[in-house]
Amino acid sequence: MPQRRLHQALAAAAIVLSFWAQGARAAGPALIEAARKEGRVVWYTTQIINQFARPAAEAFEKKYGVKVDYVRTDSNDVALRMLNEGRAGRVQADVFDGTSAAARLRKENLVAQWAPDTGGRLPANAIDPGGYWIATNLYVLTPGINTDLVPKGSEPRTFDDLLNPKWNGRIAWNSSATPSGAGGFIGTVLTEMGEDNGRAYLKKLAGQDIAGLQTAARQVLDQVIAGEYAMALNIFNNHAVISANKGAPAAWIAMSPAMTIFSVVSLAKDAPHPNAGKLLIEFLVSEEGQKLYRDADYMPIDPAVAPREPALRPDGGKFRAAAFTPEEIEMRMPKWSAIYKELFR
């Protein structure tokens, strides 16, 4: 490792150790009792309600006797909602999750500096060095197809394959400025190909008349399953597995590199029910909580809890990935979105 990068790594490790030494907390009787006195926790979540949020809330309520009120939306709406509430001095959420909201809200001083002590179970990069977020699960973003419209063996396997004229007018993506939308796909291309080659490729891709849908990636995949389009770019690959297991004509493509991002959870600053919020975060990253992610066909962040479909996780060889932190997404998304508006609108 080059000297400079070694120093950076050591500095980051020192920050993590300092944070845990001073502020690490584990769920104990005192926290549980304090949470029960508060009686409820408000959770702004990007997780699908029937797939994960409701089962997780029910398991938490059964275990601790604390009511969970959840509101489901995407990362951008989580950030906007909390930003408006914070500026108005009426913070409603105790806990929020998502792929990029934490980085945005941290700039506005709306995120508490608190994270649970996981005892080293989780990968070091799954915990913010400053303690503002902790990852709960991993998302892998790939193309998804309707298997009735795309016969096996005819699906695109590389970025260049997407330029084949047969896909013209048959592709859709989420047009929002999110990792699971056009912006995230553009970022993956630029990371893989570099600025000049990436832009040249994207100009060619723009000729494929991709439908930009103003809806979440899950709903884009649903439209593909319904036969509105043959393929969606940058969907969560586990969503295709969830749908296929229910009999839908859905599959995902292991196109390299995929984009990998964390879904992270944070405690809101000035949370109305801070102890219940801390307890919910503890629960989500506990072994019990991680098994709930697994059982919902998500990819747990705990390496000891393997996903039910191991192939979903990039192997670093045949199926590579480009990984981005919430802070990197927040920093780069304006540029990626600008390129989308320039080339695809």
Protein backbone atom coordinates (compact mmCIF):
# COMPACT_ATOMS: atom_id res chain seq x y z
CA MET A 1 0.00 0.00 0.00
CA PRO A 2 1.38 3.47 -0.92
CA GLN A 3 2.55 5.50 2.09
CA ARG A 4 -0.14 8.17 1.72
CA ARG A 5 -2.97 5.63 1.55
CA LEU A 6 -1.52 3.78 4.52
CA HIS A 7 -1.59 6.98 6.56
CA GLN A 8 -5.18 7.62 5.49
CA ALA A 9 -6.20 4.10 6.46
CA LEU A 10 -4.53 4.42 9.86
CA ALA A 11 -6.16 7.77 10.46
CA ALA A 12 -9.59 6.38 9.60
CA ALA A 13 -9.03 3.43 11.92
CA ALA A 14 -8.03 5.80 14.72
CA ILE A 15 -11.27 7.75 14.26
CA VAL A 16 -13.32 4.56 14.42
CA LEU A 17 -11.54 3.33 17.54
CA SER A 18 -11.93 6.72 19.20
CA PHE A 19 -15.62 6.82 18.42
CA TRP A 20 -16.29 3.36 19.79
CA ALA A 21 -14.20 3.99 22.88
CA GLN A 22 -16.15 7.16 23.69
CA GLY A 23 -19.64 6.60 22.35
CA ALA A 24 -20.34 2.93 21.61
CA ARG A 25 -23.48 1.55 23.19
CA ALA A 26 -25.11 -1.85 23.31
CA ALA A 27 -28.77 -2.69 23.91
CA GLY A 28 -29.02 -3.37 27.61
CA PRO A 29 -31.78 -3.36 30.24
CA ALA A 30 -31.54 0.41 30.76
CA LEU A 31 -32.03 1.18 27.07
CA ILE A 32 -34.87 -1.32 26.76
CA GLU A 33 -36.64 0.15 29.79
CA ALA A 34 -36.21 3.70 28.53
CA ALA A 35 -37.58 2.70 25.12
CA ARG A 36 -40.59 1.03 26.71
CA LYS A 37 -41.35 4.18 28.67
CA GLU A 38 -41.35 6.16 25.41
CA GLY A 39 -43.75 3.56 24.02
CA ARG A 40 -43.29 4.12 20.30
CA VAL A 41 -40.79 4.80 17.55
CA VAL A 42 -41.32 6.57 14.22
CA TRP A 43 -39.38 5.05 11.33
CA TYR A 44 -39.03 6.68 7.91
CA THR A 45 -38.04 3.77 5.71
CA THR A 46 -37.21 3.01 2.10
CA GLN A 47 -37.77 -0.71 2.64
CA ILE A 48 -40.77 -2.31 0.94
CA ILE A 49 -43.63 -2.51 3.45
CA ASN A 50 -44.94 -6.03 2.88
CA GLN A 51 -41.52 -7.46 2.12
CA PHE A 52 -39.60 -6.13 5.10
CA ALA A 53 -40.86 -3.08 7.01
CA ARG A 54 -44.04 -4.67 8.37
CA PRO A 55 -42.48 -8.01 9.39
CA ALA A 56 -39.57 -6.19 11.04
CA ALA A 57 -41.91 -3.84 12.89
CA GLU A 58 -44.03 -6.74 14.10
CA ALA A 59 -41.00 -8.68 15.30
CA PHE A 60 -39.66 -5.61 17.14
CA GLU A 61 -43.03 -4.89 18.77
CA LYS A 62 -43.36 -8.51 19.89
CA LYS A 63 -39.84 -8.55 21.33
CA TYR A 64 -39.86 -5.20 23.13
CA GLY A 65 -43.46 -4.04 23.43
CA VAL A 66 -42.66 -0.77 21.65
CA LYS A 67 -45.03 0.37 18.89
CA VAL A 68 -43.47 1.06 15.46
CA ASP A 69 -45.05 3.70 13.23
CA TYR A 70 -43.45 3.48 9.80
CA VAL A 71 -43.67 5.71 6.75
CA ARG A 72 -42.45 4.27 3.45
CA THR A 73 -40.92 6.42 0.72
CA ASP A 74 -37.69 6.68 -1.30
CA SER A 75 -34.38 8.20 -0.18
CA ASN A 76 -34.97 11.57 -1.82
CA ASP A 77 -38.37 11.94 -0.19
CA VAL A 78 -37.01 10.84 3.18
CA ALA A 79 -34.40 13.58 2.97
CA LEU A 80 -36.90 16.21 1.82
CA ARG A 81 -39.45 15.32 4.47
CA MET A 82 -36.92 15.38 7.30
CA LEU A 83 -35.36 18.57 5.98
CA ASN A 84 -38.72 20.37 5.98
CA GLU A 85 -39.61 19.07 9.43
CA GLY A 86 -36.20 19.96 10.84
CA ARG A 87 -36.25 23.50 9.49
CA ALA A 88 -39.73 23.96 10.91
CA GLY A 89 -38.56 22.71 14.31
CA ARG A 90 -40.99 19.79 14.22
CA VAL A 91 -38.88 16.63 13.97
CA GLN A 92 -41.21 13.64 13.62
CA ALA A 93 -38.93 10.71 12.78
CA ASP A 94 -36.79 8.92 15.31
CA VAL A 95 -35.06 6.64 12.81
CA PHE A 96 -34.62 6.84 9.06
CA ASP A 97 -32.92 4.69 6.46
CA GLY A 98 -31.96 4.92 2.81
CA THR A 99 -29.02 4.96 0.46
CA SER A 100 -28.04 8.64 0.50
CA ALA A 101 -30.33 10.62 2.81
CA ALA A 102 -27.96 10.40 5.78
CA ALA A 103 -25.17 12.25 4.00
CA ARG A 104 -27.51 15.03 2.87
CA LEU A 105 -29.19 15.46 6.26
CA ARG A 106 -25.90 15.37 8.12
CA LYS A 107 -24.95 18.61 6.35
CA GLU A 108 -28.10 20.16 7.82
CA ASN A 109 -27.24 18.98 11.35
CA LEU A 110 -30.28 16.70 11.43
CA VAL A 111 -28.52 13.40 12.17
CA ALA A 112 -27.50 12.31 15.66
CA GLN A 113 -23.97 11.02 16.20
CA TRP A 114 -24.92 7.61 17.49
CA ALA A 115 -24.44 4.05 16.33
CA PRO A 116 -24.61 0.72 18.14
CA ASP A 117 -21.67 -1.37 19.18
CA THR A 118 -21.68 -4.41 16.92
CA GLY A 119 -18.71 -6.05 18.56
CA GLY A 120 -16.82 -6.20 15.27
CA ARG A 121 -19.43 -8.43 13.59
CA LEU A 122 -19.92 -6.05 10.68
CA PRO A 123 -17.37 -4.98 8.06
CA ALA A 124 -15.51 -1.79 8.97
CA ASN A 125 -16.81 0.06 5.91
CA ALA A 126 -20.41 -0.68 6.98
CA ILE A 127 -20.11 1.81 9.84
CA ASP A 128 -19.63 5.54 9.36
CA PRO A 129 -16.33 6.56 11.05
CA GLY A 130 -18.12 9.45 12.75
CA GLY A 131 -21.02 7.31 13.91
CA TYR A 132 -23.73 9.00 11.85
CA TRP A 133 -24.95 5.82 10.14
CA ILE A 134 -24.63 2.07 10.11
CA ALA A 135 -25.45 -0.19 7.17
CA THR A 136 -28.25 -2.72 7.47
CA ASN A 137 -28.17 -4.36 4.05
CA LEU A 138 -26.38 -4.29 0.71
CA TYR A 139 -28.03 -3.35 -2.57
CA VAL A 140 -26.73 -4.45 -5.95
CA LEU A 141 -28.01 -2.54 -8.97
CA THR A 142 -28.18 -4.37 -12.29
CA PRO A 143 -30.45 -4.55 -15.33
CA GLY A 144 -33.66 -6.55 -14.95
CA ILE A 145 -35.69 -8.19 -17.72
CA ASN A 146 -39.06 -9.66 -18.55
CA THR A 147 -38.23 -13.28 -19.34
CA ASP A 148 -41.29 -13.63 -21.57
CA LEU A 149 -40.04 -10.80 -23.78
CA VAL A 150 -36.32 -11.58 -23.59
CA PRO A 151 -35.66 -15.26 -24.30
CA LYS A 152 -32.89 -16.88 -22.31
CA GLY A 153 -29.55 -16.42 -24.03
CA SER A 154 -30.61 -13.25 -25.86
CA GLU A 155 -30.23 -10.88 -22.91
CA PRO A 156 -27.46 -8.25 -22.98
CA ARG A 157 -24.39 -9.15 -20.96
CA THR A 158 -22.22 -6.05 -21.36
CA PHE A 159 -22.67 -2.30 -21.60
CA ASP A 160 -21.95 -2.51 -25.33
CA ASP A 161 -24.73 -5.06 -25.76
CA LEU A 162 -27.20 -2.40 -24.63
CA LEU A 163 -26.39 -0.47 -27.81
CA ASN A 164 -27.84 -3.20 -30.04
CA PRO A 165 -30.66 -1.65 -32.14
CA LYS A 166 -33.04 -4.40 -31.02
CA TRP A 167 -33.29 -2.69 -27.62
CA ASN A 168 -34.32 0.67 -29.04
CA GLY A 169 -37.49 1.86 -27.30
CA ARG A 170 -37.66 -1.26 -25.12
CA ILE A 171 -35.68 -0.04 -22.08
CA ALA A 172 -36.84 1.95 -19.05
CA TRP A 173 -35.21 3.40 -15.96
CA ASN A 174 -36.03 5.55 -12.96
CA SER A 175 -35.33 9.15 -13.99
CA SER A 176 -34.85 10.38 -10.41
CA ALA A 177 -31.52 11.55 -9.01
CA THR A 178 -30.94 8.37 -7.03
CA PRO A 179 -28.42 5.51 -7.15
CA SER A 180 -31.22 3.23 -8.36
CA GLY A 181 -32.05 5.57 -11.22
CA ALA A 182 -30.44 6.98 -14.32
CA GLY A 183 -27.94 8.91 -12.22
CA GLY A 184 -26.59 5.76 -10.61
CA PHE A 185 -26.21 3.97 -13.93
CA ILE A 186 -24.39 6.98 -15.39
CA GLY A 187 -22.08 7.04 -12.38
CA THR A 188 -21.26 3.36 -12.81
CA VAL A 189 -20.43 3.89 -16.49
CA LEU A 190 -18.16 6.85 -15.76
CA THR A 191 -16.41 4.97 -12.96
CA GLU A 192 -15.77 2.00 -15.21
CA MET A 193 -14.87 3.77 -18.46
CA GLY A 194 -13.49 7.11 -17.35
CA GLU A 195 -14.81 10.56 -18.18
CA ASP A 196 -14.16 10.75 -21.93
CA ASN A 197 -14.96 7.16 -22.89
CA GLY A 198 -17.91 7.10 -20.53
CA ARG A 199 -19.47 10.21 -22.03
CA ALA A 200 -18.93 8.85 -25.53
CA TYR A 201 -20.71 5.64 -24.57
CA LEU A 202 -23.58 7.47 -22.90
CA LYS A 203 -24.13 9.59 -26.03
CA LYS A 204 -24.60 6.35 -27.97
CA LEU A 205 -26.89 4.93 -25.28
CA ALA A 206 -29.04 8.06 -25.46
CA GLY A 207 -29.96 7.00 -29.00
CA GLN A 208 -31.78 3.97 -27.62
CA ASP A 209 -34.82 6.06 -26.60
CA ILE A 210 -34.82 4.93 -22.97
CA ALA A 211 -38.06 5.71 -21.13
CA GLY A 212 -37.43 7.85 -18.08
CA LEU A 213 -40.09 6.99 -15.50
CA GLN A 214 -40.65 9.24 -12.51
CA THR A 215 -41.12 6.40 -10.08
CA ALA A 216 -39.04 4.15 -7.85
CA ALA A 217 -36.88 1.35 -9.25
CA ARG A 218 -39.27 -1.23 -7.81
CA GLN A 219 -42.13 0.24 -9.85
CA VAL A 220 -39.95 0.38 -12.96
CA LEU A 221 -39.36 -3.35 -12.62
CA ASP A 222 -43.08 -3.86 -12.09
CA GLN A 223 -43.77 -2.18 -15.43
CA VAL A 224 -41.21 -4.46 -17.08
CA ILE A 225 -42.92 -7.48 -15.52
CA ALA A 226 -46.25 -6.18 -16.84
CA GLY A 227 -44.79 -6.14 -20.36
CA GLU A 228 -44.60 -2.36 -20.82
CA TYR A 229 -40.87 -2.66 -21.46
CA ALA A 230 -38.50 -5.55 -22.04
CA MET A 231 -35.77 -4.33 -19.71
CA ALA A 232 -35.08 -1.95 -16.82
CA LEU A 233 -31.68 -0.48 -16.09
CA ASN A 234 -30.37 -0.22 -12.54
CA ILE A 235 -32.94 -2.16 -10.56
CA PHE A 236 -32.22 -3.83 -7.23
CA ASN A 237 -31.33 -7.35 -8.29
CA ASN A 238 -32.94 -8.93 -5.24
CA HIS A 239 -36.29 -7.43 -6.31
CA ALA A 240 -36.15 -9.52 -9.48
CA VAL A 241 -35.58 -12.62 -7.35
CA ILE A 242 -38.47 -11.72 -5.05
CA SER A 243 -40.79 -11.34 -8.05
CA ALA A 244 -39.54 -14.46 -9.80
CA ASN A 245 -40.15 -16.50 -6.65
CA LYS A 246 -43.78 -15.38 -6.84
CA GLY A 247 -44.05 -16.60 -10.44
CA ALA A 248 -43.44 -13.34 -12.27
CA PRO A 249 -41.45 -13.33 -15.56
CA ALA A 250 -38.50 -11.53 -13.98
CA ALA A 251 -34.75 -12.04 -13.94
CA TRP A 252 -31.68 -9.93 -13.32
CA ILE A 253 -28.48 -9.75 -15.37
CA ALA A 254 -25.05 -10.06 -13.78
CA MET A 255 -23.62 -7.21 -15.85
CA SER A 256 -20.20 -6.05 -14.67
CA PRO A 257 -19.63 -3.77 -13.04
CA ALA A 258 -22.79 -3.44 -11.03
CA MET A 259 -23.22 -0.60 -8.57
CA THR A 260 -23.26 -1.63 -4.91
CA ILE A 261 -24.58 0.67 -2.24
CA PHE A 262 -25.50 0.39 1.40
CA SER A 263 -28.91 0.94 2.85
CA VAL A 264 -27.97 2.70 6.07
CA VAL A 265 -29.96 3.58 9.17
CA SER A 266 -29.50 6.65 11.37
CA LEU A 267 -30.92 8.23 14.48
CA ALA A 268 -32.54 11.62 13.92
CA LYS A 269 -31.15 14.50 15.91
CA ASP A 270 -33.71 15.73 18.46
CA ALA A 271 -35.71 12.55 17.89
CA PRO A 272 -38.99 12.56 19.86
CA HIS A 273 -38.32 9.00 21.05
CA PRO A 274 -34.52 8.69 21.03
CA ASN A 275 -34.24 5.58 23.17
CA ALA A 276 -36.83 3.68 21.16
CA GLY A 277 -34.98 4.84 18.04
CA LYS A 278 -31.68 3.50 19.34
CA LEU A 279 -33.31 0.21 20.25
CA LEU A 280 -34.78 -0.17 16.76
CA ILE A 281 -31.38 0.43 15.19
CA GLU A 282 -29.87 -2.13 17.57
CA PHE A 283 -32.52 -4.60 16.49
CA LEU A 284 -32.05 -4.08 12.74
CA VAL A 285 -28.31 -4.82 12.88
CA SER A 286 -28.62 -7.64 15.43
CA GLU A 287 -28.39 -11.24 14.31
CA GLU A 288 -32.18 -11.53 14.66
CA GLY A 289 -32.74 -8.43 12.54
CA GLN A 290 -30.24 -9.52 9.92
CA LYS A 291 -32.03 -12.84 9.56
CA LEU A 292 -35.22 -10.91 8.82
CA TYR A 293 -33.43 -9.22 5.92
CA ARG A 294 -32.27 -12.63 4.71
CA ASP A 295 -35.75 -14.13 4.97
CA ALA A 296 -37.12 -11.24 2.90
CA ASP A 297 -34.59 -12.01 0.13
CA TYR A 298 -32.48 -8.97 0.93
CA MET A 299 -28.72 -9.11 1.36
CA PRO A 300 -27.78 -8.76 5.05
CA ILE A 301 -24.77 -6.65 5.88
CA ASP A 302 -23.62 -9.18 8.48
CA PRO A 303 -21.20 -11.55 6.67
CA ALA A 304 -22.28 -14.35 9.01
CA VAL A 305 -25.85 -14.17 7.66
CA ALA A 306 -25.69 -15.25 4.03
CA PRO A 307 -28.44 -14.23 1.57
CA ARG A 308 -30.79 -16.98 0.45
CA GLU A 309 -29.57 -16.36 -3.11
CA PRO A 310 -25.76 -16.15 -2.80
CA ALA A 311 -25.39 -15.32 -6.52
CA LEU A 312 -26.94 -11.90 -5.87
CA ARG A 313 -23.73 -10.73 -4.21
CA PRO A 314 -20.86 -9.79 -6.58
CA ASP A 315 -18.02 -12.30 -6.39
CA GLY A 316 -15.29 -9.91 -7.50
CA GLY A 317 -14.46 -12.12 -10.49
CA LYS A 318 -17.07 -12.90 -13.13
CA PHE A 319 -19.49 -10.52 -11.43
CA ARG A 320 -17.74 -7.32 -10.37
CA ALA A 321 -19.09 -4.24 -8.64
CA ALA A 322 -18.24 -0.59 -8.11
CA ALA A 323 -19.00 0.33 -4.50
CA PHE A 324 -20.17 3.77 -3.34
CA THR A 325 -20.71 5.17 0.15
CA PRO A 326 -23.62 7.51 0.96
CA GLU A 327 -21.17 10.43 1.03
CA GLU A 328 -19.79 9.57 -2.41
CA ILE A 329 -23.29 9.35 -3.84
CA GLU A 330 -24.23 12.71 -2.33
CA MET A 331 -21.08 14.33 -3.70
CA ARG A 332 -21.28 12.90 -7.24
CA MET A 333 -25.02 12.75 -7.90
CA PRO A 334 -25.34 16.40 -9.05
CA LYS A 335 -22.83 15.74 -11.83
CA TRP A 336 -24.46 12.46 -12.82
CA SER A 337 -27.88 14.10 -12.87
CA ALA A 338 -26.57 16.95 -15.01
CA ILE A 339 -25.30 14.44 -17.57
CA TYR A 340 -28.70 12.74 -17.59
CA LYS A 341 -30.43 16.05 -18.31
CA GLU A 342 -27.88 16.89 -21.01
CA LEU A 343 -28.01 13.59 -22.88
CA PHE A 344 -31.27 11.81 -22.12
CA ARG A 345 -33.95 14.48 -21.84
